[in-house]
PDB file of N, CA and C in Angstrom:
ATOM      1  N   MET A   1     -51.242 -67.555  19.618  1.00  0.00           N
ATOM      2  CA  MET A   1     -52.627 -67.522  20.005  1.00  0.00           C
ATOM      3  C   MET A   1     -52.785 -66.746  21.317  1.00  0.00           C
ATOM      4  N   ILE A   2     -53.786 -65.871  21.375  1.00  0.00           N
ATOM      5  CA  ILE A   2     -54.032 -65.077  22.572  1.00  0.00           C
ATOM      6  C   ILE A   2     -54.954 -65.854  23.497  1.00  0.00           C
ATOM      7  N   THR A   3     -54.490 -66.058  24.723  1.00  0.00           N
ATOM      8  CA  THR A   3     -55.326 -66.753  25.697  1.00  0.00           C
ATOM      9  C   THR A   3     -56.337 -65.790  26.292  1.00  0.00           C
ATOM     10  N   LYS A   4     -57.338 -66.339  26.978  1.00  0.00           N
ATOM     11  CA  LYS A   4     -58.372 -65.477  27.538  1.00  0.00           C
ATOM     12  C   LYS A   4     -57.821 -64.549  28.610  1.00  0.00           C
ATOM     13  N   HIS A   5     -56.688 -64.884  29.201  1.00  0.00           N
ATOM     14  CA  HIS A   5     -56.094 -64.023  30.222  1.00  0.00           C
ATOM     15  C   HIS A   5     -55.329 -62.864  29.594  1.00  0.00           C
ATOM     16  N   LYS A   6     -54.822 -63.042  28.404  1.00  0.00           N
ATOM     17  CA  LYS A   6     -54.069 -61.988  27.736  1.00  0.00           C
ATOM     18  C   LYS A   6     -54.977 -61.072  26.923  1.00  0.00           C
ATOM     19  N   MET A   7     -56.209 -61.489  26.658  1.00  0.00           N
ATOM     20  CA  MET A   7     -57.128 -60.702  25.848  1.00  0.00           C
ATOM     21  C   MET A   7     -57.391 -59.317  26.466  1.00  0.00           C
ATOM     22  N   PRO A   8     -57.708 -59.212  27.767  1.00  0.00           N
ATOM     23  CA  PRO A   8     -57.951 -57.879  28.332  1.00  0.00           C
ATOM     24  C   PRO A   8     -56.737 -56.956  28.207  1.00  0.00           C
ATOM     25  N   ILE A   9     -55.550 -57.499  28.345  1.00  0.00           N
ATOM     26  CA  ILE A   9     -54.335 -56.694  28.215  1.00  0.00           C
ATOM     27  C   ILE A   9     -54.199 -56.180  26.786  1.00  0.00           C
ATOM     28  N   ALA A  10     -54.491 -57.031  25.817  1.00  0.00           N
ATOM     29  CA  ALA A  10     -54.414 -56.618  24.413  1.00  0.00           C
ATOM     30  C   ALA A  10     -55.443 -55.531  24.118  1.00  0.00           C
ATOM     31  N   VAL A  11     -56.643 -55.678  24.641  1.00  0.00           N
ATOM     32  CA  VAL A  11     -57.701 -54.687  24.416  1.00  0.00           C
ATOM     33  C   VAL A  11     -57.319 -53.356  25.051  1.00  0.00           C
ATOM     34  N   ILE A  12     -56.810 -53.395  26.264  1.00  0.00           N
ATOM     35  CA  ILE A  12     -56.386 -52.161  26.941  1.00  0.00           C
ATOM     36  C   ILE A  12     -55.273 -51.483  26.148  1.00  0.00           C
ATOM     37  N   GLY A  13     -54.329 -52.271  25.660  1.00  0.00           N
ATOM     38  CA  GLY A  13     -53.248 -51.716  24.851  1.00  0.00           C
ATOM     39  C   GLY A  13     -53.763 -51.028  23.597  1.00  0.00           C
ATOM     40  N   LEU A  14     -54.711 -51.656  22.930  1.00  0.00           N
ATOM     41  CA  LEU A  14     -55.295 -51.050  21.729  1.00  0.00           C
ATOM     42  C   LEU A  14     -56.056 -49.773  22.062  1.00  0.00           C
ATOM     43  N   LEU A  15     -56.772 -49.762  23.173  1.00  0.00           N
ATOM     44  CA  LEU A  15     -57.493 -48.554  23.584  1.00  0.00           C
ATOM     45  C   LEU A  15     -56.539 -47.405  23.894  1.00  0.00           C
ATOM     46  N   ILE A  16     -55.436 -47.703  24.551  1.00  0.00           N
ATOM     47  CA  ILE A  16     -54.440 -46.673  24.843  1.00  0.00           C
ATOM     48  C   ILE A  16     -53.845 -46.132  23.553  1.00  0.00           C
ATOM     49  N   LEU A  17     -53.508 -47.007  22.625  1.00  0.00           N
ATOM     50  CA  LEU A  17     -52.961 -46.584  21.338  1.00  0.00           C
ATOM     51  C   LEU A  17     -53.961 -45.723  20.580  1.00  0.00           C
ATOM     52  N   PHE A  18     -55.213 -46.152  20.534  1.00  0.00           N
ATOM     53  CA  PHE A  18     -56.267 -45.409  19.845  1.00  0.00           C
ATOM     54  C   PHE A  18     -56.455 -44.031  20.472  1.00  0.00           C
ATOM     55  N   SER A  19     -56.447 -43.959  21.803  1.00  0.00           N
ATOM     56  CA  SER A  19     -56.592 -42.679  22.505  1.00  0.00           C
ATOM     57  C   SER A  19     -55.434 -41.750  22.191  1.00  0.00           C
ATOM     58  N   ALA A  20     -54.229 -42.285  22.135  1.00  0.00           N
ATOM     59  CA  ALA A  20     -53.058 -41.464  21.831  1.00  0.00           C
ATOM     60  C   ALA A  20     -53.136 -40.890  20.422  1.00  0.00           C
ATOM     61  N   VAL A  21     -53.596 -41.682  19.468  1.00  0.00           N
ATOM     62  CA  VAL A  21     -53.731 -41.204  18.083  1.00  0.00           C
ATOM     63  C   VAL A  21     -54.768 -40.090  18.014  1.00  0.00           C
ATOM     64  N   ILE A  22     -55.898 -40.275  18.672  1.00  0.00           N
ATOM     65  CA  ILE A  22     -56.946 -39.244  18.671  1.00  0.00           C
ATOM     66  C   ILE A  22     -56.429 -37.976  19.337  1.00  0.00           C
ATOM     67  N   TRP A  23     -55.758 -38.097  20.480  1.00  0.00           N
ATOM     68  CA  TRP A  23     -55.244 -36.928  21.193  1.00  0.00           C
ATOM     69  C   TRP A  23     -54.225 -36.185  20.335  1.00  0.00           C
ATOM     70  N   ARG A  24     -53.396 -36.902  19.608  1.00  0.00           N
ATOM     71  CA  ARG A  24     -52.408 -36.251  18.733  1.00  0.00           C
ATOM     72  C   ARG A  24     -53.121 -35.468  17.642  1.00  0.00           C
ATOM     73  N   ASN A  25     -54.203 -36.014  17.074  1.00  0.00           N
ATOM     74  CA  ASN A  25     -54.956 -35.302  16.041  1.00  0.00           C
ATOM     75  C   ASN A  25     -55.620 -34.060  16.599  1.00  0.00           C
ATOM     76  N   VAL A  26     -56.154 -34.148  17.816  1.00  0.00           N
ATOM     77  CA  VAL A  26     -56.781 -32.980  18.445  1.00  0.00           C
ATOM     78  C   VAL A  26     -55.739 -31.900  18.677  1.00  0.00           C
ATOM     79  N   GLN A  27     -54.591 -32.277  19.206  1.00  0.00           N
ATOM     80  CA  GLN A  27     -53.566 -31.282  19.496  1.00  0.00           C
ATOM     81  C   GLN A  27     -53.015 -30.647  18.222  1.00  0.00           C
ATOM     82  N   SER A  28     -53.035 -31.353  17.100  1.00  0.00           N
ATOM     83  CA  SER A  28     -52.525 -30.763  15.866  1.00  0.00           C
ATOM     84  C   SER A  28     -53.383 -29.579  15.429  1.00  0.00           C
ATOM     85  N   ASP A  29     -54.653 -29.543  15.836  1.00  0.00           N
ATOM     86  CA  ASP A  29     -55.508 -28.399  15.538  1.00  0.00           C
ATOM     87  C   ASP A  29     -55.026 -27.142  16.262  1.00  0.00           C
ATOM     88  N   PHE A  30     -54.206 -27.319  17.287  1.00  0.00           N
ATOM     89  CA  PHE A  30     -53.790 -26.204  18.123  1.00  0.00           C
ATOM     90  C   PHE A  30     -52.321 -25.828  17.921  1.00  0.00           C
ATOM     91  N   ASN A  31     -51.702 -26.317  16.855  1.00  0.00           N
ATOM     92  CA  ASN A  31     -50.300 -25.990  16.593  1.00  0.00           C
ATOM     93  C   ASN A  31     -50.122 -24.550  16.138  1.00  0.00           C
ATOM     94  N   ASN A  32     -51.125 -23.988  15.498  1.00  0.00           N
ATOM     95  CA  ASN A  32     -50.993 -22.655  14.915  1.00  0.00           C
ATOM     96  C   ASN A  32     -51.957 -21.681  15.592  1.00  0.00           C
ATOM     97  N   VAL A  33     -51.837 -21.560  16.918  1.00  0.00           N
ATOM     98  CA  VAL A  33     -52.713 -20.668  17.668  1.00  0.00           C
ATOM     99  C   VAL A  33     -51.880 -19.715  18.512  1.00  0.00           C
ATOM    100  N   THR A  34     -52.513 -18.647  18.939  1.00  0.00           N
ATOM    101  CA  THR A  34     -51.929 -17.795  19.966  1.00  0.00           C
ATOM    102  C   THR A  34     -52.753 -18.044  21.226  1.00  0.00           C
ATOM    103  N   TRP A  35     -52.202 -17.700  22.348  1.00  0.00           N
ATOM    104  CA  TRP A  35     -52.886 -17.938  23.622  1.00  0.00           C
ATOM    105  C   TRP A  35     -53.184 -16.601  24.275  1.00  0.00           C
ATOM    106  N   LYS A  36     -54.462 -16.358  24.568  1.00  0.00           N
ATOM    107  CA  LYS A  36     -54.918 -15.106  25.164  1.00  0.00           C
ATOM    108  C   LYS A  36     -55.205 -15.334  26.641  1.00  0.00           C
ATOM    109  N   GLN A  37     -54.751 -14.392  27.482  1.00  0.00           N
ATOM    110  CA  GLN A  37     -55.056 -14.480  28.900  1.00  0.00           C
ATOM    111  C   GLN A  37     -56.527 -14.157  29.123  1.00  0.00           C
ATOM    112  N   TYR A  38     -57.154 -14.931  29.983  1.00  0.00           N
ATOM    113  CA  TYR A  38     -58.557 -14.725  30.324  1.00  0.00           C
ATOM    114  C   TYR A  38     -58.652 -14.705  31.841  1.00  0.00           C
ATOM    115  N   ILE A  39     -59.267 -13.656  32.385  1.00  0.00           N
ATOM    116  CA  ILE A  39     -59.459 -13.570  33.829  1.00  0.00           C
ATOM    117  C   ILE A  39     -60.842 -14.121  34.157  1.00  0.00           C
ATOM    118  N   VAL A  40     -60.872 -15.156  34.969  1.00  0.00           N
ATOM    119  CA  VAL A  40     -62.116 -15.836  35.310  1.00  0.00           C
ATOM    120  C   VAL A  40     -63.001 -14.918  36.142  1.00  0.00           C
ATOM    121  N   GLY A  41     -64.268 -14.860  35.743  1.00  0.00           N
ATOM    122  CA  GLY A  41     -65.252 -14.089  36.484  1.00  0.00           C
ATOM    123  C   GLY A  41     -66.233 -14.999  37.189  1.00  0.00           C
ATOM    124  N   SER A  42     -67.071 -14.433  38.003  1.00  0.00           N
ATOM    125  CA  SER A  42     -68.082 -15.196  38.724  1.00  0.00           C
ATOM    126  C   SER A  42     -69.007 -15.899  37.736  1.00  0.00           C
ATOM    127  N   GLY A  43     -69.198 -17.180  37.918  1.00  0.00           N
ATOM    128  CA  GLY A  43     -70.095 -17.949  37.056  1.00  0.00           C
ATOM    129  C   GLY A  43     -69.441 -18.520  35.808  1.00  0.00           C
ATOM    130  N   ASP A  44     -68.183 -18.165  35.534  1.00  0.00           N
ATOM    131  CA  ASP A  44     -67.484 -18.725  34.372  1.00  0.00           C
ATOM    132  C   ASP A  44     -67.219 -20.208  34.583  1.00  0.00           C
ATOM    133  N   THR A  45     -67.283 -20.956  33.507  1.00  0.00           N
ATOM    134  CA  THR A  45     -66.928 -22.374  33.508  1.00  0.00           C
ATOM    135  C   THR A  45     -65.908 -22.598  32.404  1.00  0.00           C
ATOM    136  N   MET A  46     -65.230 -23.730  32.454  1.00  0.00           N
ATOM    137  CA  MET A  46     -64.298 -24.052  31.373  1.00  0.00           C
ATOM    138  C   MET A  46     -65.036 -24.075  30.039  1.00  0.00           C
ATOM    139  N   TRP A  47     -66.244 -24.606  30.054  1.00  0.00           N
ATOM    140  CA  TRP A  47     -67.031 -24.702  28.823  1.00  0.00           C
ATOM    141  C   TRP A  47     -67.338 -23.312  28.276  1.00  0.00           C
ATOM    142  N   SER A  48     -67.805 -22.407  29.137  1.00  0.00           N
ATOM    143  CA  SER A  48     -68.165 -21.067  28.658  1.00  0.00           C
ATOM    144  C   SER A  48     -66.928 -20.302  28.185  1.00  0.00           C
ATOM    145  N   ILE A  49     -65.812 -20.503  28.854  1.00  0.00           N
ATOM    146  CA  ILE A  49     -64.574 -19.843  28.434  1.00  0.00           C
ATOM    147  C   ILE A  49     -64.084 -20.429  27.116  1.00  0.00           C
ATOM    148  N   ALA A  50     -64.156 -21.754  26.977  1.00  0.00           N
ATOM    149  CA  ALA A  50     -63.722 -22.405  25.729  1.00  0.00           C
ATOM    150  C   ALA A  50     -64.546 -21.909  24.540  1.00  0.00           C
ATOM    151  N   GLN A  51     -65.799 -21.571  24.781  1.00  0.00           N
ATOM    152  CA  GLN A  51     -66.647 -21.078  23.698  1.00  0.00           C
ATOM    153  C   GLN A  51     -66.225 -19.702  23.205  1.00  0.00           C
ATOM    154  N   THR A  52     -65.353 -18.996  23.943  1.00  0.00           N
ATOM    155  CA  THR A  52     -64.838 -17.705  23.474  1.00  0.00           C
ATOM    156  C   THR A  52     -63.657 -17.896  22.517  1.00  0.00           C
ATOM    157  N   SER A  53     -63.130 -19.109  22.444  1.00  0.00           N
ATOM    158  CA  SER A  53     -62.007 -19.408  21.559  1.00  0.00           C
ATOM    159  C   SER A  53     -62.440 -19.282  20.101  1.00  0.00           C
ATOM    160  N   THR A  54     -61.516 -18.823  19.269  1.00  0.00           N
ATOM    161  CA  THR A  54     -61.799 -18.704  17.836  1.00  0.00           C
ATOM    162  C   THR A  54     -61.260 -19.879  17.034  1.00  0.00           C
ATOM    163  N   VAL A  55     -60.729 -20.904  17.727  1.00  0.00           N
ATOM    164  CA  VAL A  55     -60.230 -22.099  17.043  1.00  0.00           C
ATOM    165  C   VAL A  55     -61.433 -22.886  16.520  1.00  0.00           C
ATOM    166  N   ASP A  56     -61.347 -23.306  15.267  1.00  0.00           N
ATOM    167  CA  ASP A  56     -62.463 -23.989  14.611  1.00  0.00           C
ATOM    168  C   ASP A  56     -62.442 -25.488  14.913  1.00  0.00           C
ATOM    169  N   THR A  57     -62.885 -25.838  16.100  1.00  0.00           N
ATOM    170  CA  THR A  57     -63.022 -27.228  16.504  1.00  0.00           C
ATOM    171  C   THR A  57     -64.084 -27.284  17.590  1.00  0.00           C
ATOM    172  N   ASN A  58     -64.437 -28.480  18.034  1.00  0.00           N
ATOM    173  CA  ASN A  58     -65.529 -28.557  19.005  1.00  0.00           C
ATOM    174  C   ASN A  58     -65.079 -28.136  20.401  1.00  0.00           C
ATOM    175  N   THR A  59     -66.023 -27.647  21.167  1.00  0.00           N
ATOM    176  CA  THR A  59     -65.751 -27.083  22.490  1.00  0.00           C
ATOM    177  C   THR A  59     -65.121 -28.101  23.428  1.00  0.00           C
ATOM    178  N   ARG A  60     -65.538 -29.355  23.343  1.00  0.00           N
ATOM    179  CA  ARG A  60     -64.981 -30.396  24.227  1.00  0.00           C
ATOM    180  C   ARG A  60     -63.460 -30.509  24.019  1.00  0.00           C
ATOM    181  N   ASP A  61     -63.010 -30.464  22.767  1.00  0.00           N
ATOM    182  CA  ASP A  61     -61.574 -30.547  22.499  1.00  0.00           C
ATOM    183  C   ASP A  61     -60.849 -29.299  23.009  1.00  0.00           C
ATOM    184  N   ILE A  62     -61.479 -28.151  22.875  1.00  0.00           N
ATOM    185  CA  ILE A  62     -60.863 -26.917  23.366  1.00  0.00           C
ATOM    186  C   ILE A  62     -60.694 -26.982  24.883  1.00  0.00           C
ATOM    187  N   VAL A  63     -61.719 -27.449  25.588  1.00  0.00           N
ATOM    188  CA  VAL A  63     -61.624 -27.596  27.047  1.00  0.00           C
ATOM    189  C   VAL A  63     -60.465 -28.524  27.407  1.00  0.00           C
ATOM    190  N   ALA A  64     -60.356 -29.654  26.732  1.00  0.00           N
ATOM    191  CA  ALA A  64     -59.286 -30.626  27.029  1.00  0.00           C
ATOM    192  C   ALA A  64     -57.906 -30.014  26.799  1.00  0.00           C
ATOM    193  N   VAL A  65     -57.741 -29.297  25.702  1.00  0.00           N
ATOM    194  CA  VAL A  65     -56.439 -28.688  25.404  1.00  0.00           C
ATOM    195  C   VAL A  65     -56.146 -27.556  26.378  1.00  0.00           C
ATOM    196  N   MET A  66     -57.168 -26.786  26.749  1.00  0.00           N
ATOM    197  CA  MET A  66     -56.961 -25.725  27.737  1.00  0.00           C
ATOM    198  C   MET A  66     -56.510 -26.307  29.072  1.00  0.00           C
ATOM    199  N   GLN A  67     -57.126 -27.399  29.497  1.00  0.00           N
ATOM    200  CA  GLN A  67     -56.718 -28.038  30.744  1.00  0.00           C
ATOM    201  C   GLN A  67     -55.273 -28.490  30.668  1.00  0.00           C
ATOM    202  N   ASP A  68     -54.903 -29.097  29.550  1.00  0.00           N
ATOM    203  CA  ASP A  68     -53.538 -29.583  29.372  1.00  0.00           C
ATOM    204  C   ASP A  68     -52.551 -28.418  29.341  1.00  0.00           C
ATOM    205  N   TYR A  69     -52.819 -27.415  28.526  1.00  0.00           N
ATOM    206  CA  TYR A  69     -51.901 -26.288  28.341  1.00  0.00           C
ATOM    207  C   TYR A  69     -51.733 -25.491  29.635  1.00  0.00           C
ATOM    208  N   ASN A  70     -52.826 -25.340  30.389  1.00  0.00           N
ATOM    209  CA  ASN A  70     -52.781 -24.591  31.642  1.00  0.00           C
ATOM    210  C   ASN A  70     -52.392 -25.460  32.838  1.00  0.00           C
ATOM    211  N   GLU A  71     -52.046 -26.729  32.559  1.00  0.00           N
ATOM    212  CA  GLU A  71     -51.625 -27.687  33.585  1.00  0.00           C
ATOM    213  C   GLU A  71     -52.640 -27.768  34.725  1.00  0.00           C
ATOM    214  N   MET A  72     -53.916 -27.904  34.336  1.00  0.00           N
ATOM    215  CA  MET A  72     -54.998 -27.999  35.315  1.00  0.00           C
ATOM    216  C   MET A  72     -55.327 -29.467  35.557  1.00  0.00           C
ATOM    217  N   HIS A  73     -55.467 -29.849  36.798  1.00  0.00           N
ATOM    218  CA  HIS A  73     -55.796 -31.227  37.141  1.00  0.00           C
ATOM    219  C   HIS A  73     -57.298 -31.429  37.279  1.00  0.00           C
ATOM    220  N   ASN A  74     -58.043 -30.333  37.319  1.00  0.00           N
ATOM    221  CA  ASN A  74     -59.502 -30.389  37.358  1.00  0.00           C
ATOM    222  C   ASN A  74     -60.038 -29.109  36.713  1.00  0.00           C
ATOM    223  N   VAL A  75     -61.332 -28.973  36.667  1.00  0.00           N
ATOM    224  CA  VAL A  75     -61.917 -27.802  36.010  1.00  0.00           C
ATOM    225  C   VAL A  75     -62.468 -26.793  37.020  1.00  0.00           C
ATOM    226  N   ASN A  76     -62.013 -26.871  38.249  1.00  0.00           N
ATOM    227  CA  ASN A  76     -62.459 -25.919  39.261  1.00  0.00           C
ATOM    228  C   ASN A  76     -61.838 -24.552  39.002  1.00  0.00           C
ATOM    229  N   LEU A  77     -62.682 -23.554  38.821  1.00  0.00           N
ATOM    230  CA  LEU A  77     -62.226 -22.196  38.573  1.00  0.00           C
ATOM    231  C   LEU A  77     -62.725 -21.285  39.682  1.00  0.00           C
ATOM    232  N   HIS A  78     -61.972 -20.217  39.924  1.00  0.00           N
ATOM    233  CA  HIS A  78     -62.349 -19.239  40.936  1.00  0.00           C
ATOM    234  C   HIS A  78     -62.207 -17.847  40.326  1.00  0.00           C
ATOM    235  N   PRO A  79     -63.122 -16.930  40.647  1.00  0.00           N
ATOM    236  CA  PRO A  79     -62.988 -15.563  40.130  1.00  0.00           C
ATOM    237  C   PRO A  79     -61.598 -15.011  40.420  1.00  0.00           C
ATOM    238  N   GLY A  80     -61.005 -14.421  39.390  1.00  0.00           N
ATOM    239  CA  GLY A  80     -59.651 -13.880  39.509  1.00  0.00           C
ATOM    240  C   GLY A  80     -58.581 -14.797  38.963  1.00  0.00           C
ATOM    241  N   ASP A  81     -58.885 -16.099  38.802  1.00  0.00           N
ATOM    242  CA  ASP A  81     -57.920 -17.003  38.175  1.00  0.00           C
ATOM    243  C   ASP A  81     -57.613 -16.509  36.769  1.00  0.00           C
ATOM    244  N   VAL A  82     -56.402 -16.719  36.322  1.00  0.00           N
ATOM    245  CA  VAL A  82     -56.016 -16.352  34.955  1.00  0.00           C
ATOM    246  C   VAL A  82     -55.683 -17.641  34.217  1.00  0.00           C
ATOM    247  N   ILE A  83     -56.361 -17.869  33.094  1.00  0.00           N
ATOM    248  CA  ILE A  83     -56.060 -19.036  32.274  1.00  0.00           C
ATOM    249  C   ILE A  83     -55.804 -18.576  30.848  1.00  0.00           C
ATOM    250  N   LEU A  84     -55.154 -19.419  30.089  1.00  0.00           N
ATOM    251  CA  LEU A  84     -54.860 -19.107  28.686  1.00  0.00           C
ATOM    252  C   LEU A  84     -55.861 -19.817  27.798  1.00  0.00           C
ATOM    253  N   VAL A  85     -56.374 -19.073  26.814  1.00  0.00           N
ATOM    254  CA  VAL A  85     -57.389 -19.574  25.890  1.00  0.00           C
ATOM    255  C   VAL A  85     -56.808 -19.527  24.479  1.00  0.00           C
ATOM    256  N   PRO A  86     -56.943 -20.609  23.690  1.00  0.00           N
ATOM    257  CA  PRO A  86     -56.390 -20.608  22.329  1.00  0.00           C
ATOM    258  C   PRO A  86     -57.224 -19.741  21.388  1.00  0.00           C
ATOM    259  N   MET A  87     -56.516 -18.996  20.535  1.00  0.00           N
ATOM    260  CA  MET A  87     -57.152 -18.163  19.523  1.00  0.00           C
ATOM    261  C   MET A  87     -56.472 -18.430  18.179  1.00  0.00           C
ATOM    262  N   SER A  88     -57.257 -18.478  17.140  1.00  0.00           N
ATOM    263  CA  SER A  88     -56.698 -18.658  15.795  1.00  0.00           C
ATOM    264  C   SER A  88     -55.810 -17.477  15.448  1.00  0.00           C
ATOM    265  N   LYS A  89     -54.738 -17.755  14.731  1.00  0.00           N
ATOM    266  CA  LYS A  89     -53.851 -16.663  14.287  1.00  0.00           C
ATOM    267  C   LYS A  89     -54.469 -15.947  13.107  1.00  0.00           C
TER     268      LYS A  89
END
């Protein structure tokens, strides 16, 4: 029997597991892509750059994978930065 003190731990564990499964499914969409260098210009955002990707998935997932692949800890971009953008093969 789960006590009321162990319930939050169980819920957190399930949320972590669920998040990991979703993240694995998102990343599987990017197994068969090439990565194109993109030079950041004035006014570019991760969202606008992700929209140039030819991968057939939603922009939010593309932004997340771009952040992960480019080892970015935030979405702050500066003109002249070079990031990699996924493109369908």
